[in-house]
Protein backbone atom coordinates (compact mmCIF):
# COMPACT_ATOMS: atom_id res chain seq x y z
CA MET A 1 -0.13 0.04 -0.19
CA ARG A 2 1.28 3.40 -0.90
CA PRO A 3 1.54 5.90 1.79
CA LYS A 4 -1.13 8.14 3.17
CA LYS A 5 -1.34 11.18 0.59
CA LEU A 6 -1.89 13.96 3.22
CA VAL A 7 -2.51 16.91 0.64
CA PRO A 8 -2.24 15.31 -3.09
CA PHE A 9 -2.03 19.32 -4.31
CA LEU A 10 1.07 19.82 -2.78
CA LEU A 11 2.89 16.41 -3.99
CA GLY A 12 3.83 17.70 -7.71
CA SER A 13 1.42 16.93 -10.23
CA PRO A 14 -1.10 14.87 -8.89
CA HIS A 15 -2.63 11.62 -11.40
CA ILE A 16 -6.10 12.35 -12.05
CA VAL A 17 -8.35 9.32 -12.84
CA VAL A 18 -11.78 10.39 -14.06
CA LEU A 19 -14.46 7.59 -14.62
CA THR A 20 -16.90 9.12 -17.14
CA GLY A 21 -20.57 7.72 -18.14
CA ALA A 22 -23.77 8.69 -20.42
CA GLY A 23 -24.09 11.71 -18.86
CA MET A 24 -20.91 12.96 -19.78
CA SER A 25 -22.10 13.01 -23.30
CA ALA A 26 -25.57 13.95 -22.61
CA GLU A 27 -25.01 17.43 -23.54
CA SER A 28 -22.86 16.77 -26.98
CA GLY A 29 -26.47 15.63 -27.99
CA ILE A 30 -25.47 11.33 -27.66
CA LYS A 31 -28.54 9.92 -26.34
CA THR A 32 -27.90 8.17 -23.02
CA PHE A 33 -27.74 4.10 -23.11
CA ARG A 34 -30.51 3.40 -21.48
CA ASP A 35 -33.78 5.29 -20.77
CA ALA A 36 -36.10 4.73 -17.80
CA ASP A 37 -38.11 2.17 -19.54
CA GLY A 38 -35.35 -0.17 -20.49
CA LEU A 39 -35.49 0.80 -24.78
CA TRP A 40 -32.67 2.69 -26.21
CA GLU A 41 -34.26 4.80 -28.98
CA GLY A 42 -36.79 2.64 -29.50
CA HIS A 43 -34.85 -0.61 -29.18
CA ASP A 44 -34.51 -3.42 -26.44
CA VAL A 45 -31.37 -3.12 -25.25
CA LEU A 46 -30.81 -6.89 -25.66
CA GLU A 47 -32.07 -7.06 -29.24
CA VAL A 48 -29.09 -4.68 -30.12
CA ALA A 49 -26.71 -4.78 -27.72
CA SER A 50 -26.10 -8.33 -26.56
CA PRO A 51 -24.32 -11.50 -28.40
CA GLU A 52 -27.78 -13.37 -28.68
CA GLY A 53 -29.30 -10.14 -30.27
CA PHE A 54 -26.58 -10.46 -33.00
CA ALA A 55 -26.93 -13.93 -33.34
CA ARG A 56 -31.03 -13.54 -34.02
CA ASN A 57 -30.82 -10.35 -36.27
CA PRO A 58 -27.30 -9.11 -37.19
CA GLU A 59 -28.78 -6.57 -39.72
CA LEU A 60 -30.73 -5.03 -37.14
CA VAL A 61 -27.84 -4.68 -34.74
CA LEU A 62 -25.37 -3.66 -37.44
CA ASN A 63 -27.75 -0.68 -38.60
CA PHE A 64 -28.39 0.28 -35.07
CA TYR A 65 -24.69 0.72 -34.61
CA ASN A 66 -24.21 2.24 -38.19
CA GLU A 67 -26.90 4.90 -36.81
CA ARG A 68 -24.93 5.80 -33.96
CA ARG A 69 -21.56 6.17 -36.02
CA GLN A 70 -23.16 8.34 -38.18
CA GLN A 71 -24.79 10.48 -34.97
CA LEU A 72 -20.88 10.61 -33.89
CA ASN A 73 -20.40 12.88 -37.18
CA GLU A 74 -23.19 15.51 -36.27
CA VAL A 75 -22.17 16.16 -32.53
CA GLU A 76 -18.99 17.72 -30.75
CA PRO A 77 -17.15 17.44 -27.25
CA ASN A 78 -18.95 19.88 -25.06
CA GLN A 79 -17.22 21.97 -22.44
CA ALA A 80 -16.74 19.75 -20.21
CA HIS A 81 -15.08 17.16 -22.47
CA ARG A 82 -12.91 20.50 -23.36
CA ASP A 83 -12.46 21.31 -19.62
CA LEU A 84 -10.77 17.88 -18.74
CA ALA A 85 -8.70 17.86 -21.79
CA GLN A 86 -7.03 21.33 -20.52
CA LEU A 87 -6.96 19.42 -16.81
CA GLU A 88 -3.90 18.01 -18.65
CA ASN A 89 -1.87 21.04 -19.01
CA ASP A 90 -1.41 20.86 -14.85
CA TYR A 91 -1.90 17.18 -13.82
CA LYS A 92 -1.47 13.66 -15.24
CA VAL A 93 -4.86 12.53 -16.55
CA THR A 94 -6.35 9.40 -17.36
CA ILE A 95 -9.85 8.92 -18.47
CA ILE A 96 -11.83 5.73 -17.72
CA THR A 97 -15.06 5.75 -19.59
CA GLN A 98 -18.21 3.77 -20.21
CA ASN A 99 -18.84 5.77 -23.53
CA VAL A 100 -18.05 4.37 -26.93
CA ASP A 101 -17.80 7.89 -28.71
CA ASP A 102 -14.97 9.41 -29.41
CA LEU A 103 -15.64 12.89 -27.72
CA HIS A 104 -12.69 12.68 -25.15
CA GLU A 105 -10.33 11.87 -27.87
CA ARG A 106 -11.38 14.81 -30.17
CA ALA A 107 -11.58 17.36 -27.22
CA GLY A 108 -7.87 16.58 -26.60
CA SER A 109 -7.56 13.93 -24.02
CA SER A 110 -4.60 12.07 -24.31
CA ASP A 111 -5.00 9.05 -22.48
CA VAL A 112 -8.57 7.33 -22.58
CA VAL A 113 -9.52 3.88 -21.57
CA HIS A 114 -12.54 2.71 -22.97
CA LEU A 115 -14.58 0.17 -21.18
CA HIS A 116 -17.20 -0.62 -23.51
CA GLY A 117 -15.68 -0.62 -26.62
CA GLU A 118 -15.41 1.84 -29.50
CA LEU A 119 -18.07 3.03 -32.05
CA ARG A 120 -15.29 4.15 -34.86
CA LYS A 121 -13.59 0.65 -34.37
CA ILE A 122 -14.62 -2.96 -35.74
CA ARG A 123 -13.47 -6.44 -34.83
CA SER A 124 -13.51 -10.07 -36.24
CA THR A 125 -16.72 -12.09 -35.07
CA VAL A 126 -13.95 -14.79 -34.36
CA ASN A 127 -10.87 -13.05 -33.59
CA HIS A 128 -11.75 -10.32 -30.93
CA ASN A 129 -8.19 -9.12 -30.95
CA ASP A 130 -8.37 -8.18 -34.76
CA ILE A 131 -9.35 -4.50 -33.74
CA GLN A 132 -9.90 -1.93 -36.76
CA ASP A 133 -10.45 1.86 -37.08
CA TRP A 134 -14.13 2.12 -38.93
CA THR A 135 -15.59 4.93 -39.90
CA GLU A 136 -18.14 3.85 -42.39
CA ASP A 137 -21.27 1.60 -42.04
CA ILE A 138 -20.91 -2.28 -41.56
CA ASN A 139 -23.01 -4.41 -43.61
CA LEU A 140 -23.90 -7.62 -43.78
CA GLY A 141 -20.80 -9.31 -45.89
CA ASP A 142 -18.42 -7.13 -44.72
CA LEU A 143 -15.40 -9.44 -43.45
CA CYS A 144 -12.46 -9.64 -41.89
CA ASP A 145 -8.90 -11.13 -43.72
CA ASN A 146 -9.85 -14.64 -42.27
CA GLY A 147 -13.15 -14.23 -44.06
CA HIS A 148 -15.21 -13.51 -40.52
CA GLN A 149 -18.09 -11.24 -40.63
CA LEU A 150 -17.01 -7.77 -38.93
CA ARG A 151 -19.00 -6.21 -35.93
CA PRO A 152 -18.88 -3.58 -34.04
CA HIS A 153 -15.86 -2.96 -31.53
CA ILE A 154 -18.44 -3.11 -28.82
CA VAL A 155 -18.92 -4.85 -25.33
CA TRP A 156 -22.40 -6.15 -25.05
CA PHE A 157 -24.24 -7.31 -22.40
CA GLY A 158 -23.02 -10.99 -21.17
CA GLU A 159 -19.64 -10.14 -22.61
CA ALA A 160 -16.33 -9.87 -20.71
CA VAL A 161 -14.95 -6.49 -20.36
CA PRO A 162 -11.30 -6.79 -21.51
CA GLU A 163 -10.16 -3.24 -20.13
CA ILE A 164 -11.50 -3.69 -16.63
CA GLU A 165 -8.12 -4.97 -14.98
CA THR A 166 -6.52 -2.04 -16.74
CA ALA A 167 -9.03 0.45 -15.33
CA ILE A 168 -7.96 -1.19 -11.97
CA LYS A 169 -4.91 -0.78 -11.57
CA ILE A 170 -4.96 2.80 -12.71
CA CYS A 171 -7.76 3.39 -9.80
CA TYR A 172 -5.50 1.94 -7.58
CA ALA A 173 -2.77 4.32 -8.28
CA ALA A 174 -5.14 7.18 -8.53
CA ASP A 175 -4.38 10.38 -6.13
CA ILE A 176 -7.59 11.78 -6.91
CA LEU A 177 -10.36 10.14 -8.42
CA VAL A 178 -13.61 12.21 -10.37
CA ILE A 179 -16.85 10.46 -11.58
CA ILE A 180 -19.09 12.25 -13.95
CA GLY A 181 -22.31 11.64 -15.52
CA THR A 182 -22.84 7.84 -14.48
CA SER A 183 -25.52 5.93 -12.42
CA MET A 184 -22.72 4.00 -10.42
CA GLN A 185 -25.36 1.51 -11.00
CA VAL A 186 -23.28 -0.53 -14.24
CA TYR A 187 -21.12 -2.94 -13.03
CA PRO A 188 -17.83 -3.82 -13.54
CA ALA A 189 -17.35 0.19 -13.69
CA ALA A 190 -19.03 1.10 -10.81
CA SER A 191 -17.00 -1.02 -8.84
CA LEU A 192 -13.68 0.96 -9.64
CA ILE A 193 -14.36 3.53 -6.99
CA ASP A 194 -13.57 0.58 -4.45
CA TYR A 195 -10.27 -0.03 -6.07
CA VAL A 196 -9.02 3.62 -4.79
CA GLN A 197 -6.87 4.01 -1.66
CA PRO A 198 -8.96 4.63 1.19
CA ASP A 199 -7.22 8.21 1.70
CA THR A 200 -8.01 9.20 -1.99
CA PRO A 201 -10.35 12.43 -2.64
CA VAL A 202 -13.51 11.59 -4.78
CA TYR A 203 -15.54 14.32 -6.61
CA TYR A 204 -18.39 12.83 -8.20
CA ILE A 205 -20.33 14.89 -10.49
CA ASP A 206 -24.16 14.05 -11.41
CA PRO A 207 -27.24 15.72 -11.20
CA LYS A 208 -28.73 12.96 -9.69
CA PRO A 209 -26.26 11.36 -7.53
CA ALA A 210 -26.45 8.31 -6.51
CA ILE A 211 -24.26 8.37 -3.69
CA GLY A 212 -23.91 11.04 -1.14
CA SER A 213 -20.98 13.52 0.26
CA GLY A 214 -19.33 12.15 3.37
CA GLY A 215 -15.29 10.93 4.35
CA MET A 216 -13.47 11.43 1.18
CA ILE A 217 -16.54 11.73 -1.25
CA THR A 218 -17.77 15.25 -2.72
CA VAL A 219 -20.40 15.24 -4.45
CA ILE A 220 -21.10 18.07 -6.86
CA ALA A 221 -25.25 17.73 -7.71
CA LYS A 222 -25.11 19.60 -11.26
CA SER A 223 -24.42 18.18 -15.04
CA ALA A 224 -21.19 17.43 -16.86
CA THR A 225 -20.94 20.93 -17.84
CA GLU A 226 -21.54 23.23 -14.68
CA GLY A 227 -20.22 20.62 -12.45
CA MET A 228 -16.67 20.62 -14.57
CA LYS A 229 -17.05 24.70 -13.82
CA GLU A 230 -17.12 23.89 -10.07
CA LEU A 231 -14.08 21.23 -9.85
CA LEU A 232 -12.02 23.59 -11.46
CA ASN A 233 -12.91 26.03 -9.00
CA ILE A 234 -11.84 23.67 -6.27
CA PHE A 235 -8.68 22.59 -8.04
CA GLN A 236 -7.73 25.93 -8.75
CA ARG A 237 -8.63 26.86 -4.39
CA LYS A 238 -6.24 24.09 -3.34
CA LYS A 239 -3.25 24.72 -5.54
CA PRO A 240 -0.39 25.92 -2.88
């Protein structure tokens, strides 16, 4: 276990780890993954986000993600994305995101771990390590070099989360944890807060926070953009 961090801001350049969810991109116009009625833009999530759904109707699933990919061309990073990128001017920042868009990267963040995959990447249905960048539609009959159907590089319900072990190690080494726009209900991502050291400050930004302030946790019950403004002010005040 690392030595107790009395005041992270006095220890040079602290490592800020940021966990982001759907609320981070909502203000850019990206619709949230799951509505209150369990539907995703009119679809049962298990029909468009599970291996079983893909096996039953691959064309429906491919078209669904084609539409999501096309939507990325119509949206831009919001101020919260840009503020996180600017933090790299003063801190080491690692972003762990549950989002499958590329708005963090487009805002300028340089160290981003995608837990649930990326819309602008594809992989083979057989060799999951055969991952490629992809900006066009994926159609039935689009094959990898070994002749297997291509699919979105997305972690569907019931599939393993390959990057979770990497994320756990990052959280363990964090000096500060910031959580933005996530309900803290989707596992294994929600468990990452349990892997930071007991003396690690945690800032949780969400208009409907699922946890309360107390101990090392500070809750900022605001949207991503407004919450980031407040967080930046907090960080500025804590600087020596």
